[in-house]
Amino acid sequence: MGAVYLVALLVSLGCMLLLDWRFRLFFWRDAVSALVVTAVGLVLFLVWDIAGIVNGIFLRGDAAIATGLVLAPELPIEEPVFLLFLVVCTMVIYTGSVRLLSQRRKQRRTQGGRS
């Protein structure tokens, strides 16, 4: 039972990457840029977390679904995986939204020209 959260995060990340692959939104559109954005986002969120931990704002707590493995005091192994998921999910949603809005604008222009 101790690894349920980590497994759920990894499955969710896998699903986001499958969506990304299917629609060529982020990594499968431009792998180098995606790696840079992901690395920068992950580092910024980790710095944010570490600042919160140092200031006593963020605490690990004891959850039965977590592994209990910590990378540092108050920094469970699940946290960087969650942050990675957060960055990838955000970018897939963002790039997907941009594509949908762009297609919608093109459709409106095309329909407007026919009237």
PDB file of N, CA and C in Angstrom:
ATOM      1  N   MET A   1       0.832  -1.203   0.000  1.00  0.00           N
ATOM      2  CA  MET A   1       0.000   0.000   0.000  1.00  0.00           C
ATOM      3  C   MET A   1       0.866   1.251   0.000  1.00  0.00           C
ATOM      4  N   GLY A   2       2.124   1.122   0.380  1.00  0.00           N
ATOM      5  CA  GLY A   2       2.988   2.276   0.563  1.00  0.00           C
ATOM      6  C   GLY A   2       3.427   2.992  -0.696  1.00  0.00           C
ATOM      7  N   ALA A   3       3.210   2.431  -1.870  1.00  0.00           N
ATOM      8  CA  ALA A   3       3.681   3.084  -3.082  1.00  0.00           C
ATOM      9  C   ALA A   3       2.533   3.520  -3.996  1.00  0.00           C
ATOM     10  N   VAL A   4       1.320   3.525  -3.480  1.00  0.00           N
ATOM     11  CA  VAL A   4       0.148   3.840  -4.305  1.00  0.00           C
ATOM     12  C   VAL A   4       0.262   5.230  -4.921  1.00  0.00           C
ATOM     13  N   TYR A   5       0.653   6.209  -4.151  1.00  0.00           N
ATOM     14  CA  TYR A   5       0.736   7.590  -4.649  1.00  0.00           C
ATOM     15  C   TYR A   5       1.797   7.697  -5.739  1.00  0.00           C
ATOM     16  N   LEU A   6       2.954   7.106  -5.522  1.00  0.00           N
ATOM     17  CA  LEU A   6       4.027   7.156  -6.511  1.00  0.00           C
ATOM     18  C   LEU A   6       3.598   6.461  -7.801  1.00  0.00           C
ATOM     19  N   VAL A   7       2.978   5.317  -7.686  1.00  0.00           N
ATOM     20  CA  VAL A   7       2.494   4.601  -8.871  1.00  0.00           C
ATOM     21  C   VAL A   7       1.431   5.429  -9.594  1.00  0.00           C
ATOM     22  N   ALA A   8       0.520   6.022  -8.842  1.00  0.00           N
ATOM     23  CA  ALA A   8      -0.520   6.858  -9.454  1.00  0.00           C
ATOM     24  C   ALA A   8       0.101   8.044 -10.194  1.00  0.00           C
ATOM     25  N   LEU A   9       1.125   8.646  -9.623  1.00  0.00           N
ATOM     26  CA  LEU A   9       1.807   9.755 -10.291  1.00  0.00           C
ATOM     27  C   LEU A   9       2.474   9.292 -11.578  1.00  0.00           C
ATOM     28  N   LEU A  10       3.147   8.146 -11.519  1.00  0.00           N
ATOM     29  CA  LEU A  10       3.829   7.639 -12.703  1.00  0.00           C
ATOM     30  C   LEU A  10       2.840   7.249 -13.805  1.00  0.00           C
ATOM     31  N   VAL A  11       1.718   6.645 -13.433  1.00  0.00           N
ATOM     32  CA  VAL A  11       0.683   6.304 -14.414  1.00  0.00           C
ATOM     33  C   VAL A  11       0.110   7.577 -15.027  1.00  0.00           C
ATOM     34  N   SER A  12      -0.161   8.579 -14.204  1.00  0.00           N
ATOM     35  CA  SER A  12      -0.692   9.855 -14.698  1.00  0.00           C
ATOM     36  C   SER A  12       0.295  10.530 -15.636  1.00  0.00           C
ATOM     37  N   LEU A  13       1.565  10.511 -15.281  1.00  0.00           N
ATOM     38  CA  LEU A  13       2.604  11.082 -16.140  1.00  0.00           C
ATOM     39  C   LEU A  13       2.649  10.327 -17.465  1.00  0.00           C
ATOM     40  N   GLY A  14       2.559   9.006 -17.390  1.00  0.00           N
ATOM     41  CA  GLY A  14       2.531   8.202 -18.613  1.00  0.00           C
ATOM     42  C   GLY A  14       1.355   8.552 -19.504  1.00  0.00           C
ATOM     43  N   CYS A  15       0.195   8.775 -18.900  1.00  0.00           N
ATOM     44  CA  CYS A  15      -1.002   9.157 -19.671  1.00  0.00           C
ATOM     45  C   CYS A  15      -0.812  10.519 -20.340  1.00  0.00           C
ATOM     46  N   MET A  16      -0.208  11.461 -19.632  1.00  0.00           N
ATOM     47  CA  MET A  16       0.063  12.770 -20.229  1.00  0.00           C
ATOM     48  C   MET A  16       1.012  12.635 -21.413  1.00  0.00           C
ATOM     49  N   LEU A  17       2.022  11.777 -21.264  1.00  0.00           N
ATOM     50  CA  LEU A  17       2.971  11.581 -22.354  1.00  0.00           C
ATOM     51  C   LEU A  17       2.321  10.875 -23.543  1.00  0.00           C
ATOM     52  N   LEU A  18       1.359   9.995 -23.272  1.00  0.00           N
ATOM     53  CA  LEU A  18       0.621   9.367 -24.368  1.00  0.00           C
ATOM     54  C   LEU A  18      -0.221  10.395 -25.131  1.00  0.00           C
ATOM     55  N   LEU A  19      -0.883  11.283 -24.397  1.00  0.00           N
ATOM     56  CA  LEU A  19      -1.628  12.372 -25.052  1.00  0.00           C
ATOM     57  C   LEU A  19      -0.688  13.246 -25.872  1.00  0.00           C
ATOM     58  N   ASP A  20       0.458  13.547 -25.287  1.00  0.00           N
ATOM     59  CA  ASP A  20       1.464  14.348 -25.964  1.00  0.00           C
ATOM     60  C   ASP A  20       1.900  13.657 -27.254  1.00  0.00           C
ATOM     61  N   TRP A  21       2.178  12.366 -27.177  1.00  0.00           N
ATOM     62  CA  TRP A  21       2.605  11.607 -28.348  1.00  0.00           C
ATOM     63  C   TRP A  21       1.508  11.586 -29.420  1.00  0.00           C
ATOM     64  N   ARG A  22       0.285  11.335 -28.993  1.00  0.00           N
ATOM     65  CA  ARG A  22      -0.840  11.214 -29.922  1.00  0.00           C
ATOM     66  C   ARG A  22      -1.079  12.498 -30.722  1.00  0.00           C
ATOM     67  N   PHE A  23      -0.971  13.634 -30.051  1.00  0.00           N
ATOM     68  CA  PHE A  23      -1.277  14.906 -30.708  1.00  0.00           C
ATOM     69  C   PHE A  23      -0.038  15.754 -31.001  1.00  0.00           C
ATOM     70  N   ARG A  24       1.145  15.224 -30.706  1.00  0.00           N
ATOM     71  CA  ARG A  24       2.415  15.930 -30.959  1.00  0.00           C
ATOM     72  C   ARG A  24       2.374  17.354 -30.387  1.00  0.00           C
ATOM     73  N   LEU A  25       2.174  17.433 -29.072  1.00  0.00           N
ATOM     74  CA  LEU A  25       1.960  18.728 -28.440  1.00  0.00           C
ATOM     75  C   LEU A  25       3.210  19.343 -27.812  1.00  0.00           C
ATOM     76  N   PHE A  26       4.055  18.515 -27.188  1.00  0.00           N
ATOM     77  CA  PHE A  26       5.144  19.081 -26.381  1.00  0.00           C
ATOM     78  C   PHE A  26       6.458  18.357 -26.689  1.00  0.00           C
ATOM     79  N   PHE A  27       6.694  17.211 -26.084  1.00  0.00           N
ATOM     80  CA  PHE A  27       7.943  16.490 -26.324  1.00  0.00           C
ATOM     81  C   PHE A  27       8.042  15.998 -27.761  1.00  0.00           C
ATOM     82  N   TRP A  28       6.938  15.524 -28.314  1.00  0.00           N
ATOM     83  CA  TRP A  28       6.974  14.984 -29.665  1.00  0.00           C
ATOM     84  C   TRP A  28       6.821  16.066 -30.728  1.00  0.00           C
ATOM     85  N   ARG A  29       6.735  17.289 -30.299  1.00  0.00           N
ATOM     86  CA  ARG A  29       6.702  18.406 -31.237  1.00  0.00           C
ATOM     87  C   ARG A  29       8.084  19.024 -31.351  1.00  0.00           C
ATOM     88  N   ASP A  30       8.732  19.231 -30.194  1.00  0.00           N
ATOM     89  CA  ASP A  30      10.074  19.818 -30.145  1.00  0.00           C
ATOM     90  C   ASP A  30      10.751  19.326 -28.862  1.00  0.00           C
ATOM     91  N   ALA A  31      11.439  18.203 -28.970  1.00  0.00           N
ATOM     92  CA  ALA A  31      12.000  17.526 -27.796  1.00  0.00           C
ATOM     93  C   ALA A  31      13.011  18.386 -27.039  1.00  0.00           C
ATOM     94  N   VAL A  32      13.864  19.096 -27.744  1.00  0.00           N
ATOM     95  CA  VAL A  32      14.896  19.902 -27.077  1.00  0.00           C
ATOM     96  C   VAL A  32      14.258  21.020 -26.256  1.00  0.00           C
ATOM     97  N   SER A  33      13.346  21.754 -26.865  1.00  0.00           N
ATOM     98  CA  SER A  33      12.663  22.831 -26.136  1.00  0.00           C
ATOM     99  C   SER A  33      11.868  22.270 -24.960  1.00  0.00           C
ATOM    100  N   ALA A  34      11.216  21.137 -25.169  1.00  0.00           N
ATOM    101  CA  ALA A  34      10.419  20.520 -24.108  1.00  0.00           C
ATOM    102  C   ALA A  34      11.307  20.104 -22.937  1.00  0.00           C
ATOM    103  N   LEU A  35      12.467  19.546 -23.232  1.00  0.00           N
ATOM    104  CA  LEU A  35      13.389  19.160 -22.156  1.00  0.00           C
ATOM    105  C   LEU A  35      13.863  20.377 -21.369  1.00  0.00           C
ATOM    106  N   VAL A  36      14.161  21.465 -22.074  1.00  0.00           N
ATOM    107  CA  VAL A  36      14.611  22.688 -21.400  1.00  0.00           C
ATOM    108  C   VAL A  36      13.508  23.240 -20.509  1.00  0.00           C
ATOM    109  N   VAL A  37      12.300  23.361 -21.052  1.00  0.00           N
ATOM    110  CA  VAL A  37      11.167  23.888 -20.282  1.00  0.00           C
ATOM    111  C   VAL A  37      10.887  22.998 -19.072  1.00  0.00           C
ATOM    112  N   THR A  38      10.919  21.700 -19.272  1.00  0.00           N
ATOM    113  CA  THR A  38      10.650  20.756 -18.182  1.00  0.00           C
ATOM    114  C   THR A  38      11.721  20.859 -17.102  1.00  0.00           C
ATOM    115  N   ALA A  39      12.981  20.895 -17.499  1.00  0.00           N
ATOM    116  CA  ALA A  39      14.070  20.987 -16.521  1.00  0.00           C
ATOM    117  C   ALA A  39      14.004  22.297 -15.738  1.00  0.00           C
ATOM    118  N   VAL A  40      13.792  23.400 -16.435  1.00  0.00           N
ATOM    119  CA  VAL A  40      13.706  24.702 -15.763  1.00  0.00           C
ATOM    120  C   VAL A  40      12.510  24.730 -14.812  1.00  0.00           C
ATOM    121  N   GLY A  41      11.362  24.264 -15.279  1.00  0.00           N
ATOM    122  CA  GLY A  41      10.177  24.232 -14.427  1.00  0.00           C
ATOM    123  C   GLY A  41      10.379  23.360 -13.201  1.00  0.00           C
ATOM    124  N   LEU A  42      10.958  22.185 -13.395  1.00  0.00           N
ATOM    125  CA  LEU A  42      11.202  21.278 -12.277  1.00  0.00           C
ATOM    126  C   LEU A  42      12.162  21.890 -11.262  1.00  0.00           C
ATOM    127  N   VAL A  43      13.229  22.493 -11.745  1.00  0.00           N
ATOM    128  CA  VAL A  43      14.201  23.127 -10.836  1.00  0.00           C
ATOM    129  C   VAL A  43      13.550  24.273 -10.072  1.00  0.00           C
ATOM    130  N   LEU A  44      12.784  25.113 -10.762  1.00  0.00           N
ATOM    131  CA  LEU A  44      12.134  26.237 -10.077  1.00  0.00           C
ATOM    132  C   LEU A  44      11.167  25.749  -8.998  1.00  0.00           C
ATOM    133  N   PHE A  45      10.367  24.724  -9.314  1.00  0.00           N
ATOM    134  CA  PHE A  45       9.445  24.187  -8.315  1.00  0.00           C
ATOM    135  C   PHE A  45      10.190  23.537  -7.152  1.00  0.00           C
ATOM    136  N   LEU A  46      11.299  22.858  -7.427  1.00  0.00           N
ATOM    137  CA  LEU A  46      12.077  22.256  -6.341  1.00  0.00           C
ATOM    138  C   LEU A  46      12.698  23.326  -5.446  1.00  0.00           C
ATOM    139  N   VAL A  47      13.190  24.391  -6.049  1.00  0.00           N
ATOM    140  CA  VAL A  47      13.726  25.506  -5.258  1.00  0.00           C
ATOM    141  C   VAL A  47      12.619  26.098  -4.392  1.00  0.00           C
ATOM    142  N   TRP A  48      11.448  26.263  -4.963  1.00  0.00           N
ATOM    143  CA  TRP A  48      10.285  26.760  -4.224  1.00  0.00           C
ATOM    144  C   TRP A  48       9.978  25.841  -3.038  1.00  0.00           C
ATOM    145  N   ASP A  49       9.946  24.546  -3.294  1.00  0.00           N
ATOM    146  CA  ASP A  49       9.681  23.573  -2.229  1.00  0.00           C
ATOM    147  C   ASP A  49      10.746  23.621  -1.141  1.00  0.00           C
ATOM    148  N   ILE A  50      11.994  23.680  -1.551  1.00  0.00           N
ATOM    149  CA  ILE A  50      13.089  23.709  -0.572  1.00  0.00           C
ATOM    150  C   ILE A  50      13.001  24.969   0.280  1.00  0.00           C
ATOM    151  N   ALA A  51      12.675  26.102  -0.343  1.00  0.00           N
ATOM    152  CA  ALA A  51      12.497  27.337   0.421  1.00  0.00           C
ATOM    153  C   ALA A  51      11.360  27.180   1.428  1.00  0.00           C
ATOM    154  N   GLY A  52      10.266  26.544   1.012  1.00  0.00           N
ATOM    155  CA  GLY A  52       9.151  26.304   1.922  1.00  0.00           C
ATOM    156  C   GLY A  52       9.520  25.363   3.048  1.00  0.00           C
ATOM    157  N   ILE A  53      10.325  24.350   2.755  1.00  0.00           N
ATOM    158  CA  ILE A  53      10.769  23.400   3.776  1.00  0.00           C
ATOM    159  C   ILE A  53      11.682  24.095   4.778  1.00  0.00           C
ATOM    160  N   VAL A  54      12.640  24.854   4.264  1.00  0.00           N
ATOM    161  CA  VAL A  54      13.592  25.561   5.132  1.00  0.00           C
ATOM    162  C   VAL A  54      12.873  26.532   6.066  1.00  0.00           C
ATOM    163  N   ASN A  55      11.813  27.155   5.571  1.00  0.00           N
ATOM    164  CA  ASN A  55      11.059  28.113   6.373  1.00  0.00           C
ATOM    165  C   ASN A  55       9.961  27.469   7.213  1.00  0.00           C
ATOM    166  N   GLY A  56       9.896  26.149   7.201  1.00  0.00           N
ATOM    167  CA  GLY A  56       8.922  25.440   8.023  1.00  0.00           C
ATOM    168  C   GLY A  56       7.490  25.507   7.510  1.00  0.00           C
ATOM    169  N   ILE A  57       7.322  25.879   6.250  1.00  0.00           N
ATOM    170  CA  ILE A  57       5.982  26.004   5.672  1.00  0.00           C
ATOM    171  C   ILE A  57       5.499  24.663   5.130  1.00  0.00           C
ATOM    172  N   PHE A  58       6.388  23.949   4.450  1.00  0.00           N
ATOM    173  CA  PHE A  58       6.032  22.658   3.867  1.00  0.00           C
ATOM    174  C   PHE A  58       6.528  21.530   4.766  1.00  0.00           C
ATOM    175  N   LEU A  59       5.630  20.639   5.097  1.00  0.00           N
ATOM    176  CA  LEU A  59       5.964  19.476   5.917  1.00  0.00           C
ATOM    177  C   LEU A  59       5.517  18.217   5.188  1.00  0.00           C
ATOM    178  N   ARG A  60       6.269  17.161   5.352  1.00  0.00           N
ATOM    179  CA  ARG A  60       5.992  15.914   4.640  1.00  0.00           C
ATOM    180  C   ARG A  60       4.734  15.235   5.133  1.00  0.00           C
ATOM    181  N   GLY A  61       4.581  15.116   6.412  1.00  0.00           N
ATOM    182  CA  GLY A  61       3.440  14.391   6.964  1.00  0.00           C
ATOM    183  C   GLY A  61       3.612  12.896   6.784  1.00  0.00           C
ATOM    184  N   ASP A  62       2.717  12.145   7.329  1.00  0.00           N
ATOM    185  CA  ASP A  62       2.766  10.688   7.210  1.00  0.00           C
ATOM    186  C   ASP A  62       1.519  10.203   6.500  1.00  0.00           C
ATOM    187  N   ALA A  63       1.675   9.787   5.270  1.00  0.00           N
ATOM    188  CA  ALA A  63       0.545   9.270   4.500  1.00  0.00           C
ATOM    189  C   ALA A  63       0.762   7.779   4.259  1.00  0.00           C
ATOM    190  N   ALA A  64      -0.269   7.011   4.476  1.00  0.00           N
ATOM    191  CA  ALA A  64      -0.175   5.563   4.302  1.00  0.00           C
ATOM    192  C   ALA A  64       0.057   5.182   2.843  1.00  0.00           C
ATOM    193  N   ILE A  65      -0.328   6.039   1.906  1.00  0.00           N
ATOM    194  CA  ILE A  65      -0.174   5.708   0.491  1.00  0.00           C
ATOM    195  C   ILE A  65       1.181   6.106  -0.069  1.00  0.00           C
ATOM    196  N   ALA A  66       2.001   6.816   0.702  1.00  0.00           N
ATOM    197  CA  ALA A  66       3.328   7.238   0.251  1.00  0.00           C
ATOM    198  C   ALA A  66       4.357   6.160   0.590  1.00  0.00           C
ATOM    199  N   THR A  67       5.490   6.204  -0.105  1.00  0.00           N
ATOM    200  CA  THR A  67       6.531   5.198   0.109  1.00  0.00           C
ATOM    201  C   THR A  67       7.254   5.376   1.436  1.00  0.00           C
ATOM    202  N   GLY A  68       7.341   6.607   1.896  1.00  0.00           N
ATOM    203  CA  GLY A  68       8.106   6.882   3.106  1.00  0.00           C
ATOM    204  C   GLY A  68       9.565   7.191   2.814  1.00  0.00           C
ATOM    205  N   LEU A  69       9.979   7.056   1.560  1.00  0.00           N
ATOM    206  CA  LEU A  69      11.354   7.386   1.173  1.00  0.00           C
ATOM    207  C   LEU A  69      11.483   8.895   1.005  1.00  0.00           C
ATOM    208  N   VAL A  70      12.557   9.436   1.565  1.00  0.00           N
ATOM    209  CA  VAL A  70      12.765  10.882   1.468  1.00  0.00           C
ATOM    210  C   VAL A  70      14.119  11.164   0.817  1.00  0.00           C
ATOM    211  N   LEU A  71      14.151  12.197  -0.005  1.00  0.00           N
ATOM    212  CA  LEU A  71      15.389  12.634  -0.644  1.00  0.00           C
ATOM    213  C   LEU A  71      16.172  13.566   0.271  1.00  0.00           C
ATOM    214  N   ALA A  72      15.443  14.267   1.106  1.00  0.00           N
ATOM    215  CA  ALA A  72      16.001  15.194   2.094  1.00  0.00           C
ATOM    216  C   ALA A  72      14.924  15.337   3.168  1.00  0.00           C
ATOM    217  N   PRO A  73      15.268  15.920   4.297  1.00  0.00           N
ATOM    218  CA  PRO A  73      14.232  16.104   5.325  1.00  0.00           C
ATOM    219  C   PRO A  73      13.014  16.842   4.751  1.00  0.00           C
ATOM    220  N   GLU A  74      11.854  16.282   4.953  1.00  0.00           N
ATOM    221  CA  GLU A  74      10.571  16.834   4.499  1.00  0.00           C
ATOM    222  C   GLU A  74      10.389  16.836   2.982  1.00  0.00           C
ATOM    223  N   LEU A  75      11.265  16.144   2.232  1.00  0.00           N
ATOM    224  CA  LEU A  75      11.149  16.078   0.776  1.00  0.00           C
ATOM    225  C   LEU A  75      11.017  14.613   0.346  1.00  0.00           C
ATOM    226  N   PRO A  76       9.769  14.133   0.271  1.00  0.00           N
ATOM    227  CA  PRO A  76       9.562  12.736  -0.123  1.00  0.00           C
ATOM    228  C   PRO A  76       9.891  12.515  -1.595  1.00  0.00           C
ATOM    229  N   ILE A  77      10.201  11.305  -1.929  1.00  0.00           N
ATOM    230  CA  ILE A  77      10.554  10.966  -3.307  1.00  0.00           C
ATOM    231  C   ILE A  77       9.409  11.270  -4.277  1.00  0.00           C
ATOM    232  N   GLU A  78       8.195  11.253  -3.783  1.00  0.00           N
ATOM    233  CA  GLU A  78       7.044  11.534  -4.641  1.00  0.00           C
ATOM    234  C   GLU A  78       6.994  12.990  -5.106  1.00  0.00           C
ATOM    235  N   GLU A  79       7.598  13.900  -4.351  1.00  0.00           N
ATOM    236  CA  GLU A  79       7.491  15.327  -4.678  1.00  0.00           C
ATOM    237  C   GLU A  79       8.089  15.688  -6.030  1.00  0.00           C
ATOM    238  N   PRO A  80       9.332  15.298  -6.344  1.00  0.00           N
ATOM    239  CA  PRO A  80       9.850  15.634  -7.672  1.00  0.00           C
ATOM    240  C   PRO A  80       9.058  14.965  -8.800  1.00  0.00           C
ATOM    241  N   VAL A  81       8.533  13.767  -8.542  1.00  0.00           N
ATOM    242  CA  VAL A  81       7.709  13.096  -9.556  1.00  0.00           C
ATOM    243  C   VAL A  81       6.421  13.891  -9.769  1.00  0.00           C
ATOM    244  N   PHE A  82       5.806  14.355  -8.682  1.00  0.00           N
ATOM    245  CA  PHE A  82       4.612  15.186  -8.796  1.00  0.00           C
ATOM    246  C   PHE A  82       4.922  16.475  -9.553  1.00  0.00           C
ATOM    247  N   LEU A  83       6.048  17.103  -9.238  1.00  0.00           N
ATOM    248  CA  LEU A  83       6.411  18.357  -9.905  1.00  0.00           C
ATOM    249  C   LEU A  83       6.673  18.127 -11.387  1.00  0.00           C
ATOM    250  N   LEU A  84       7.296  17.007 -11.726  1.00  0.00           N
ATOM    251  CA  LEU A  84       7.508  16.658 -13.122  1.00  0.00           C
ATOM    252  C   LEU A  84       6.168  16.488 -13.821  1.00  0.00           C
ATOM    253  N   PHE A  85       5.251  15.770 -13.182  1.00  0.00           N
ATOM    254  CA  PHE A  85       3.900  15.612 -13.739  1.00  0.00           C
ATOM    255  C   PHE A  85       3.230  16.970 -13.919  1.00  0.00           C
ATOM    256  N   LEU A  86       3.361  17.840 -12.929  1.00  0.00           N
ATOM    257  CA  LEU A  86       2.744  19.161 -12.990  1.00  0.00           C
ATOM    258  C   LEU A  86       3.249  19.957 -14.193  1.00  0.00           C
ATOM    259  N   VAL A  87       4.549  19.948 -14.417  1.00  0.00           N
ATOM    260  CA  VAL A  87       5.123  20.688 -15.544  1.00  0.00           C
ATOM    261  C   VAL A  87       4.652  20.088 -16.869  1.00  0.00           C
ATOM    262  N   VAL A  88       4.739  18.773 -17.002  1.00  0.00           N
ATOM    263  CA  VAL A  88       4.336  18.126 -18.254  1.00  0.00           C
ATOM    264  C   VAL A  88       2.843  18.332 -18.509  1.00  0.00           C
ATOM    265  N   CYS A  89       2.030  18.157 -17.492  1.00  0.00           N
ATOM    266  CA  CYS A  89       0.590  18.339 -17.623  1.00  0.00           C
ATOM    267  C   CYS A  89       0.262  19.776 -18.048  1.00  0.00           C
ATOM    268  N   THR A  90       0.897  20.727 -17.413  1.00  0.00           N
ATOM    269  CA  THR A  90       0.669  22.137 -17.742  1.00  0.00           C
ATOM    270  C   THR A  90       1.034  22.431 -19.187  1.00  0.00           C
ATOM    271  N   MET A  91       2.159  21.916 -19.631  1.00  0.00           N
ATOM    272  CA  MET A  91       2.596  22.198 -20.988  1.00  0.00           C
ATOM    273  C   MET A  91       1.731  21.481 -22.029  1.00  0.00           C
ATOM    274  N   VAL A  92       1.278  20.273 -21.728  1.00  0.00           N
ATOM    275  CA  VAL A  92       0.380  19.571 -22.653  1.00  0.00           C
ATOM    276  C   VAL A  92      -0.947  20.321 -22.746  1.00  0.00           C
ATOM    277  N   ILE A  93      -1.470  20.754 -21.612  1.00  0.00           N
ATOM    278  CA  ILE A  93      -2.723  21.522 -21.622  1.00  0.00           C
ATOM    279  C   ILE A  93      -2.527  22.855 -22.356  1.00  0.00           C
ATOM    280  N   TYR A  94      -1.427  23.528 -22.092  1.00  0.00           N
ATOM    281  CA  TYR A  94      -1.161  24.818 -22.732  1.00  0.00           C
ATOM    282  C   TYR A  94      -1.025  24.660 -24.249  1.00  0.00           C
ATOM    283  N   THR A  95      -0.159  23.747 -24.684  1.00  0.00           N
ATOM    284  CA  THR A  95       0.058  23.598 -26.124  1.00  0.00           C
ATOM    285  C   THR A  95      -1.200  23.077 -26.818  1.00  0.00           C
ATOM    286  N   GLY A  96      -1.939  22.205 -26.151  1.00  0.00           N
ATOM    287  CA  GLY A  96      -3.203  21.730 -26.710  1.00  0.00           C
ATOM    288  C   GLY A  96      -4.212  22.855 -26.839  1.00  0.00           C
ATOM    289  N   SER A  97      -4.285  23.712 -25.832  1.00  0.00           N
ATOM    290  CA  SER A  97      -5.206  24.858 -25.868  1.00  0.00           C
ATOM    291  C   SER A  97      -4.842  25.832 -26.971  1.00  0.00           C
ATOM    292  N   VAL A  98      -3.554  26.105 -27.112  1.00  0.00           N
ATOM    293  CA  VAL A  98      -3.101  27.004 -28.177  1.00  0.00           C
ATOM    294  C   VAL A  98      -3.485  26.435 -29.534  1.00  0.00           C
ATOM    295  N   ARG A  99      -3.283  25.141 -29.720  1.00  0.00           N
ATOM    296  CA  ARG A  99      -3.634  24.518 -31.000  1.00  0.00           C
ATOM    297  C   ARG A  99      -5.138  24.597 -31.257  1.00  0.00           C
ATOM    298  N   LEU A 100      -5.948  24.272 -30.233  1.00  0.00           N
ATOM    299  CA  LEU A 100      -7.402  24.324 -30.406  1.00  0.00           C
ATOM    300  C   LEU A 100      -7.882  25.733 -30.733  1.00  0.00           C
ATOM    301  N   LEU A 101      -7.366  26.717 -30.006  1.00  0.00           N
ATOM    302  CA  LEU A 101      -7.772  28.104 -30.271  1.00  0.00           C
ATOM    303  C   LEU A 101      -7.346  28.556 -31.656  1.00  0.00           C
ATOM    304  N   SER A 102      -6.169  28.146 -32.083  1.00  0.00           N
ATOM    305  CA  SER A 102      -5.688  28.499 -33.419  1.00  0.00           C
ATOM    306  C   SER A 102      -6.578  27.876 -34.494  1.00  0.00           C
ATOM    307  N   GLN A 103      -6.946  26.618 -34.318  1.00  0.00           N
ATOM    308  CA  GLN A 103      -7.832  25.959 -35.276  1.00  0.00           C
ATOM    309  C   GLN A 103      -9.209  26.620 -35.307  1.00  0.00           C
ATOM    310  N   ARG A 104      -9.665  27.013 -34.144  1.00  0.00           N
ATOM    311  CA  ARG A 104     -10.976  27.669 -34.059  1.00  0.00           C
ATOM    312  C   ARG A 104     -10.969  29.008 -34.790  1.00  0.00           C
ATOM    313  N   ARG A 105      -9.887  29.772 -34.617  1.00  0.00           N
ATOM    314  CA  ARG A 105      -9.764  31.050 -35.326  1.00  0.00           C
ATOM    315  C   ARG A 105      -9.748  30.846 -36.831  1.00  0.00           C
ATOM    316  N   LYS A 106      -9.011  29.824 -37.290  1.00  0.00           N
ATOM    317  CA  LYS A 106      -8.958  29.532 -38.728  1.00  0.00           C
ATOM    318  C   LYS A 106     -10.339  29.173 -39.257  1.00  0.00           C
ATOM    319  N   GLN A 107     -11.086  28.371 -38.496  1.00  0.00           N
ATOM    320  CA  GLN A 107     -12.435  27.991 -38.908  1.00  0.00           C
ATOM    321  C   GLN A 107     -13.337  29.208 -38.999  1.00  0.00           C
ATOM    322  N   ARG A 108     -13.233  30.110 -38.035  1.00  0.00           N
ATOM    323  CA  ARG A 108     -14.065  31.322 -38.063  1.00  0.00           C
ATOM    324  C   ARG A 108     -13.739  32.194 -39.262  1.00  0.00           C
ATOM    325  N   ARG A 109     -12.438  32.320 -39.575  1.00  0.00           N
ATOM    326  CA  ARG A 109     -12.032  33.104 -40.740  1.00  0.00           C
ATOM    327  C   ARG A 109     -12.557  32.480 -42.032  1.00  0.00           C
ATOM    328  N   THR A 110     -12.459  31.152 -42.099  1.00  0.00           N
ATOM    329  CA  THR A 110     -12.948  30.440 -43.282  1.00  0.00           C
ATOM    330  C   THR A 110     -14.449  30.579 -43.426  1.00  0.00           C
ATOM    331  N   GLN A 111     -15.184  30.434 -42.331  1.00  0.00           N
ATOM    332  CA  GLN A 111     -16.624  30.568 -42.369  1.00  0.00           C
ATOM    333  C   GLN A 111     -17.040  32.006 -42.653  1.00  0.00           C
ATOM    334  N   GLY A 112     -16.283  32.950 -42.136  1.00  0.00           N
ATOM    335  CA  GLY A 112     -16.595  34.364 -42.383  1.00  0.00           C
ATOM    336  C   GLY A 112     -16.394  34.738 -43.831  1.00  0.00           C
ATOM    337  N   GLY A 113     -15.457  34.130 -44.504  1.00  0.00           N
ATOM    338  CA  GLY A 113     -15.183  34.414 -45.906  1.00  0.00           C
ATOM    339  C   GLY A 113     -16.229  33.838 -46.831  1.00  0.00           C
ATOM    340  N   ARG A 114     -16.960  32.826 -46.398  1.00  0.00           N
ATOM    341  CA  ARG A 114     -17.975  32.186 -47.230  1.00  0.00           C
ATOM    342  C   ARG A 114     -19.317  32.916 -47.198  1.00  0.00           C
ATOM    343  N   SER A 115     -19.558  33.661 -46.160  1.00  0.00           N
ATOM    344  CA  SER A 115     -20.887  34.304 -45.997  1.00  0.00           C
ATOM    345  C   SER A 115     -21.102  35.393 -46.990  1.00  0.00           C
TER     346      SER A 115
END
